[in-house]
Amino acid sequence: MGDFIHEFWSGYIAVLTIVSMIACGVLLQSMSSRRKPGAAVETMGHVWDEDLEEYNNPLPRWWMWMFYLSLLFSAIYLVLYPGLGSFAGVWNWSSTGQYEGEQRRAAERFGPMFDQYLAMDLEQVAADPTAREIGQRLYLNYCAQCHASDARGSRGFPNLTDRDWLYGGDPQTIKTTIMEGRNGMMPAMSAALGAEGTRDVAHYVLSLSGLTHDGLRAARGKPLFAQNCAMCHGPEGKGTPAMGAPNLTDGTWLYGGGESVITETLVKGRNGHMPAHKDFLGEAKAHVLAAYIWSLSNEDAR
């Protein structure tokens, strides 16, 4: 709560909080006065079923003291912890500070173990059963949300178990991907191809991987592909790992391989983003994670 654009808002929140607590105490006191013995009981004027009336009795004493204790607890909390504008509290606690402290303690405890693996080749780490278990936990925490818990991916998120890689599947490239992230972009081509040209190229792409296609359209689409697509996917459609351009001949599809999906890709383009993890994980953890991911498609290396 310390990131206020003006000190006014810090004071405004602090004053509003304190006034609200005082107002709650005053209201509680006014509504909890004792009724004199023998005095007539006031009613609220509401009657149900002829004789069921709503009495205007004070709060039960135990309930009243519960509210008072709640106000006391709130006051103590706001003195010790942040809550009154930019006031950090006597204990100077913050969620960021707690998180950083936990990270420091974890680094002190587990850092030497990760540093030990960092000194090893990625293939050696992948062959270590303990390292793979650690890598699996890292994967489930940081990667499974996109690539699925079994690492087989989903639409738009690559399968990490099939040896089909957009940027290359050697251990060091996988580590680079984890550390630096990737940004893959397929531009929309409909303006350059036109409606019929888009369908022709789609059928030519289908023919590259042996899928059912219209031969005439594929023939018309081949020169259009060479003119508009070959600079990224290569003249034979086998892709360019340096650019992350996929191989269109192997039957593996990131978004799906039907005519409608390929046409949609040509018309709308695609944007894929793999976030960088170097600042979050650090190189040592990324090293173990990369070894685990590489092992998923290289069982013989285990």
Protein backbone atom coordinates (compact mmCIF):
# COMPACT_ATOMS: atom_id res chain seq x y z
CA MET A 1 0.00 0.00 0.00
CA GLY A 2 3.01 2.27 -0.24
CA ASP A 3 2.72 2.97 -3.98
CA PHE A 4 0.44 6.00 -3.79
CA ILE A 5 0.70 8.61 -6.53
CA HIS A 6 0.05 11.36 -3.96
CA GLU A 7 0.39 11.55 -0.18
CA PHE A 8 -3.21 12.75 0.04
CA TRP A 9 -4.49 9.26 -0.69
CA SER A 10 -2.35 7.72 2.02
CA GLY A 11 -3.76 10.13 4.60
CA TYR A 12 -7.27 9.75 3.20
CA ILE A 13 -7.22 5.97 3.66
CA ALA A 14 -5.68 6.20 7.13
CA VAL A 15 -8.21 8.77 8.37
CA LEU A 16 -11.14 6.95 6.79
CA THR A 17 -10.07 3.67 8.42
CA ILE A 18 -9.66 5.19 11.90
CA VAL A 19 -12.92 7.17 11.70
CA SER A 20 -14.77 4.05 10.55
CA MET A 21 -13.47 2.05 13.51
CA ILE A 22 -14.43 4.80 15.97
CA ALA A 23 -17.87 5.08 14.37
CA CYS A 24 -18.36 1.32 14.72
CA GLY A 25 -17.48 1.55 18.43
CA VAL A 26 -19.88 4.47 19.00
CA LEU A 27 -22.67 2.68 17.13
CA LEU A 28 -22.03 -0.48 19.12
CA GLN A 29 -22.20 1.44 22.41
CA SER A 30 -25.42 3.19 21.45
CA MET A 31 -27.10 -0.07 20.51
CA SER A 32 -26.02 -2.07 23.56
CA SER A 33 -27.32 -0.09 26.59
CA ARG A 34 -28.94 -2.21 29.29
CA ARG A 35 -32.70 -2.15 29.84
CA LYS A 36 -33.79 -1.10 33.32
CA PRO A 37 -35.44 -3.90 35.35
CA GLY A 38 -39.21 -3.69 35.25
CA ALA A 39 -39.25 -1.23 32.33
CA ALA A 40 -41.71 -1.86 29.54
CA VAL A 41 -40.23 -3.71 26.60
CA GLU A 42 -40.27 -1.67 23.42
CA THR A 43 -41.29 -3.32 20.20
CA MET A 44 -40.50 -2.45 16.61
CA GLY A 45 -44.18 -2.49 15.69
CA HIS A 46 -43.90 -5.68 13.64
CA VAL A 47 -46.35 -8.51 14.42
CA TRP A 48 -46.59 -11.92 12.75
CA ASP A 49 -49.13 -14.66 13.30
CA GLU A 50 -51.21 -12.38 15.57
CA ASP A 51 -48.89 -12.50 18.63
CA LEU A 52 -45.32 -12.85 17.37
CA GLU A 53 -43.65 -9.46 17.96
CA GLU A 54 -40.21 -8.06 17.26
CA TYR A 55 -38.69 -6.69 20.50
CA ASN A 56 -36.20 -3.83 20.67
CA ASN A 57 -33.80 -5.47 23.14
CA PRO A 58 -30.11 -4.58 23.54
CA LEU A 59 -27.45 -6.90 22.16
CA PRO A 60 -26.47 -9.87 24.33
CA ARG A 61 -23.41 -9.00 26.41
CA TRP A 62 -21.28 -11.82 24.95
CA TRP A 63 -22.09 -10.65 21.43
CA MET A 64 -21.30 -7.03 22.28
CA TRP A 65 -17.91 -7.98 23.77
CA MET A 66 -17.14 -10.04 20.71
CA PHE A 67 -17.53 -6.91 18.58
CA TYR A 68 -15.42 -4.88 20.99
CA LEU A 69 -12.67 -7.49 20.83
CA SER A 70 -12.86 -7.38 17.03
CA LEU A 71 -12.26 -3.61 17.11
CA LEU A 72 -9.38 -4.08 19.55
CA PHE A 73 -7.84 -6.74 17.34
CA SER A 74 -8.17 -4.43 14.33
CA ALA A 75 -6.43 -1.60 16.16
CA ILE A 76 -3.54 -3.85 17.23
CA TYR A 77 -3.25 -5.28 13.72
CA LEU A 78 -3.07 -1.82 12.12
CA VAL A 79 -0.31 -0.82 14.53
CA LEU A 80 1.79 -3.91 13.78
CA TYR A 81 1.05 -4.45 10.08
CA PRO A 82 0.50 -2.18 7.03
CA GLY A 83 -3.06 -1.00 6.53
CA LEU A 84 -3.15 2.70 7.36
CA GLY A 85 -2.17 4.20 4.04
CA SER A 86 1.59 4.11 3.53
CA PHE A 87 2.32 3.35 7.19
CA ALA A 88 4.36 0.12 7.12
CA GLY A 89 3.49 -0.98 10.66
CA VAL A 90 5.77 -1.40 13.66
CA TRP A 91 6.95 -4.80 12.44
CA ASN A 92 7.60 -3.44 8.92
CA TRP A 93 6.08 -6.57 7.38
CA SER A 94 5.24 -6.87 3.68
CA SER A 95 4.26 -9.76 1.46
CA THR A 96 7.19 -8.92 -0.81
CA GLY A 97 9.60 -9.02 2.12
CA GLN A 98 8.20 -12.34 3.30
CA TYR A 99 8.49 -13.81 -0.19
CA GLU A 100 12.08 -12.59 -0.58
CA GLY A 101 12.94 -14.02 2.83
CA GLU A 102 11.50 -17.40 1.88
CA GLN A 103 13.45 -17.29 -1.37
CA ARG A 104 16.70 -16.54 0.49
CA ARG A 105 16.16 -19.39 2.94
CA ALA A 106 15.34 -21.76 0.09
CA ALA A 107 18.46 -20.66 -1.80
CA GLU A 108 20.62 -21.25 1.27
CA ARG A 109 19.15 -24.71 1.73
CA PHE A 110 18.91 -25.95 -1.86
CA GLY A 111 21.41 -23.72 -3.65
CA PRO A 112 24.43 -26.04 -3.17
CA MET A 113 22.46 -28.96 -4.64
CA PHE A 114 21.48 -27.01 -7.77
CA ASP A 115 25.02 -25.65 -8.12
CA GLN A 116 26.28 -29.23 -8.09
CA TYR A 117 24.06 -30.08 -11.06
CA LEU A 118 24.97 -26.82 -12.83
CA ALA A 119 28.58 -28.00 -12.94
CA MET A 120 27.49 -31.15 -14.82
CA ASP A 121 26.67 -31.55 -18.51
CA LEU A 122 22.95 -31.53 -19.29
CA GLU A 123 23.11 -35.13 -20.52
CA GLN A 124 24.66 -36.20 -17.21
CA VAL A 125 21.97 -34.39 -15.28
CA ALA A 126 19.29 -36.08 -17.38
CA ALA A 127 20.77 -39.46 -16.50
CA ASP A 128 20.59 -38.76 -12.76
CA PRO A 129 17.30 -40.12 -11.27
CA THR A 130 17.30 -37.59 -8.41
CA ALA A 131 17.86 -34.71 -10.80
CA ARG A 132 14.98 -35.91 -12.97
CA GLU A 133 12.67 -36.00 -9.95
CA ILE A 134 13.66 -32.44 -9.08
CA GLY A 135 13.21 -31.40 -12.71
CA GLN A 136 9.76 -32.98 -12.78
CA ARG A 137 8.68 -30.94 -9.76
CA LEU A 138 10.01 -27.78 -11.39
CA TYR A 139 8.16 -28.69 -14.58
CA LEU A 140 4.86 -29.30 -12.80
CA ASN A 141 5.16 -25.98 -10.97
CA TYR A 142 6.23 -23.76 -13.85
CA CYS A 143 5.47 -25.47 -17.18
CA ALA A 144 2.48 -27.80 -16.83
CA GLN A 145 -0.05 -24.95 -16.99
CA CYS A 146 0.73 -24.59 -20.71
CA HIS A 147 2.34 -27.86 -21.79
CA ALA A 148 0.08 -30.13 -19.63
CA SER A 149 1.15 -32.35 -16.76
CA ASP A 150 2.20 -35.13 -19.15
CA ALA A 151 4.16 -32.62 -21.30
CA ARG A 152 2.16 -33.55 -24.40
CA GLY A 153 0.98 -29.98 -24.85
CA SER A 154 -2.30 -28.76 -26.24
CA ARG A 155 -3.52 -26.56 -29.07
CA GLY A 156 -0.98 -23.77 -29.44
CA PHE A 157 1.41 -25.27 -26.86
CA PRO A 158 4.07 -27.68 -28.17
CA ASN A 159 4.32 -31.34 -27.25
CA LEU A 160 7.65 -31.80 -25.45
CA THR A 161 7.79 -35.59 -25.78
CA ASP A 162 7.76 -36.19 -29.56
CA ARG A 163 11.20 -34.92 -30.70
CA ASP A 164 9.55 -32.34 -32.96
CA TRP A 165 11.05 -28.99 -31.97
CA LEU A 166 10.41 -25.52 -33.36
CA TYR A 167 13.80 -24.11 -32.31
CA GLY A 168 15.79 -27.32 -31.92
CA GLY A 169 15.70 -30.09 -29.36
CA ASP A 170 19.29 -30.38 -28.19
CA PRO A 171 19.75 -29.82 -24.43
CA GLN A 172 21.47 -26.45 -24.71
CA THR A 173 18.80 -25.03 -27.03
CA ILE A 174 16.08 -26.18 -24.64
CA LYS A 175 17.91 -24.43 -21.81
CA THR A 176 18.16 -21.26 -23.91
CA THR A 177 14.44 -21.42 -24.58
CA ILE A 178 13.70 -21.69 -20.86
CA MET A 179 16.12 -18.92 -19.94
CA GLU A 180 15.43 -16.40 -22.70
CA GLY A 181 11.91 -17.31 -23.81
CA ARG A 182 10.64 -17.38 -27.39
CA ASN A 183 8.40 -15.18 -29.51
CA GLY A 184 7.00 -16.87 -32.59
CA MET A 185 4.99 -14.86 -35.09
CA MET A 186 3.22 -15.99 -38.24
CA PRO A 187 1.94 -12.93 -40.15
CA ALA A 188 -1.51 -12.86 -41.71
CA MET A 189 -1.15 -13.64 -45.42
CA SER A 190 -4.70 -13.20 -46.72
CA ALA A 191 -4.04 -9.70 -48.08
CA ALA A 192 -1.08 -10.95 -50.12
CA LEU A 193 -2.69 -14.20 -51.26
CA GLY A 194 -6.33 -13.27 -51.72
CA ALA A 195 -9.24 -15.57 -50.92
CA GLU A 196 -8.59 -18.16 -53.64
CA GLY A 197 -4.83 -18.01 -53.21
CA THR A 198 -5.23 -18.65 -49.49
CA ARG A 199 -7.20 -21.83 -50.20
CA ASP A 200 -4.67 -22.90 -52.84
CA VAL A 201 -1.75 -22.49 -50.43
CA ALA A 202 -3.69 -24.32 -47.71
CA HIS A 203 -4.13 -27.32 -50.01
CA TYR A 204 -0.46 -27.22 -50.99
CA VAL A 205 0.49 -27.27 -47.30
CA LEU A 206 -1.85 -30.24 -46.82
CA SER A 207 -0.07 -32.03 -49.66
CA LEU A 208 3.33 -31.54 -48.03
CA SER A 209 2.40 -33.84 -45.14
CA GLY A 210 0.37 -36.27 -47.24
CA LEU A 211 -3.05 -35.19 -46.04
CA THR A 212 -6.15 -35.25 -48.20
CA HIS A 213 -6.08 -32.29 -50.57
CA ASP A 214 -7.27 -30.94 -53.91
CA GLY A 215 -4.47 -31.63 -56.39
CA LEU A 216 -5.39 -28.75 -58.70
CA ARG A 217 -5.44 -26.24 -55.86
CA ALA A 218 -2.18 -27.64 -54.50
CA ALA A 219 -0.54 -27.17 -57.88
CA ARG A 220 -1.71 -23.56 -58.00
CA GLY A 221 -0.63 -23.02 -54.40
CA LYS A 222 2.96 -24.26 -54.88
CA PRO A 223 4.30 -21.11 -56.60
CA LEU A 224 2.39 -18.92 -54.14
CA PHE A 225 4.02 -20.82 -51.28
CA ALA A 226 7.47 -20.34 -52.83
CA GLN A 227 6.81 -16.64 -53.23
CA ASN A 228 5.26 -15.90 -49.83
CA CYS A 229 6.11 -18.69 -47.37
CA ALA A 230 9.42 -20.29 -48.38
CA MET A 231 11.56 -17.56 -46.81
CA CYS A 232 10.50 -18.83 -43.37
CA HIS A 233 9.44 -22.45 -43.91
CA GLY A 234 12.07 -23.25 -46.51
CA PRO A 235 11.56 -24.12 -50.21
CA GLU A 236 10.49 -27.65 -49.32
CA GLY A 237 8.44 -26.63 -46.28
CA LYS A 238 10.79 -28.31 -43.81
CA GLY A 239 10.95 -25.30 -41.53
CA THR A 240 13.74 -23.11 -40.15
CA PRO A 241 14.63 -23.82 -36.49
CA ALA A 242 16.63 -20.61 -36.18
CA MET A 243 13.39 -18.67 -36.77
CA GLY A 244 11.04 -21.09 -35.05
CA ALA A 245 9.24 -21.71 -38.34
CA PRO A 246 7.69 -25.20 -38.13
CA ASN A 247 8.28 -28.12 -40.44
CA LEU A 248 5.14 -28.50 -42.58
CA THR A 249 6.00 -31.97 -43.90
CA ASP A 250 6.10 -34.12 -40.76
CA GLY A 251 2.42 -34.34 -39.82
CA THR A 252 2.96 -32.59 -36.48
CA TRP A 253 0.75 -29.53 -36.04
CA LEU A 254 0.77 -26.94 -33.30
CA TYR A 255 -2.73 -25.60 -33.96
CA GLY A 256 -4.19 -28.46 -35.99
CA GLY A 257 -3.70 -29.72 -39.54
CA GLY A 258 -7.11 -29.58 -41.16
CA GLU A 259 -7.94 -27.33 -44.10
CA SER A 260 -10.02 -24.96 -41.98
CA VAL A 261 -7.29 -24.53 -39.36
CA ILE A 262 -4.53 -23.98 -41.92
CA THR A 263 -6.73 -21.47 -43.72
CA GLU A 264 -7.39 -19.71 -40.42
CA THR A 265 -3.65 -19.54 -39.78
CA LEU A 266 -3.06 -17.99 -43.21
CA VAL A 267 -5.90 -15.50 -42.79
CA LYS A 268 -5.31 -14.41 -39.19
CA GLY A 269 -1.69 -15.33 -38.53
CA ARG A 270 -0.41 -16.73 -35.24
CA ASN A 271 1.43 -15.30 -32.25
CA GLY A 272 3.17 -17.64 -29.83
CA HIS A 273 4.92 -16.48 -26.69
CA MET A 274 7.12 -18.48 -24.34
CA PRO A 275 8.07 -16.26 -21.35
CA ALA A 276 11.67 -16.01 -20.21
CA HIS A 277 12.37 -17.70 -16.87
CA LYS A 278 15.98 -16.70 -16.22
CA ASP A 279 15.15 -13.98 -13.71
CA PHE A 280 12.62 -16.15 -11.93
CA LEU A 281 14.31 -19.55 -11.90
CA GLY A 282 17.96 -18.67 -12.27
CA GLU A 283 20.41 -20.64 -14.36
CA ALA A 284 20.91 -23.52 -11.92
CA LYS A 285 17.20 -24.45 -11.76
CA ALA A 286 16.79 -23.87 -15.50
CA HIS A 287 19.71 -26.28 -16.03
CA VAL A 288 17.95 -29.08 -14.16
CA LEU A 289 14.61 -28.29 -15.80
CA ALA A 290 16.14 -28.35 -19.28
CA ALA A 291 17.74 -31.73 -18.59
CA TYR A 292 14.39 -33.14 -17.47
CA ILE A 293 12.54 -31.81 -20.52
CA TRP A 294 15.22 -33.18 -22.84
CA SER A 295 14.91 -36.58 -21.15
CA LEU A 296 11.19 -36.73 -21.98
CA SER A 297 11.96 -37.24 -25.66
CA ASN A 298 15.24 -39.11 -25.13
CA GLU A 299 14.41 -42.07 -22.95
CA ASP A 300 17.57 -43.88 -24.02
CA ALA A 301 19.63 -41.18 -22.29
CA ARG A 302 18.13 -41.91 -18.87
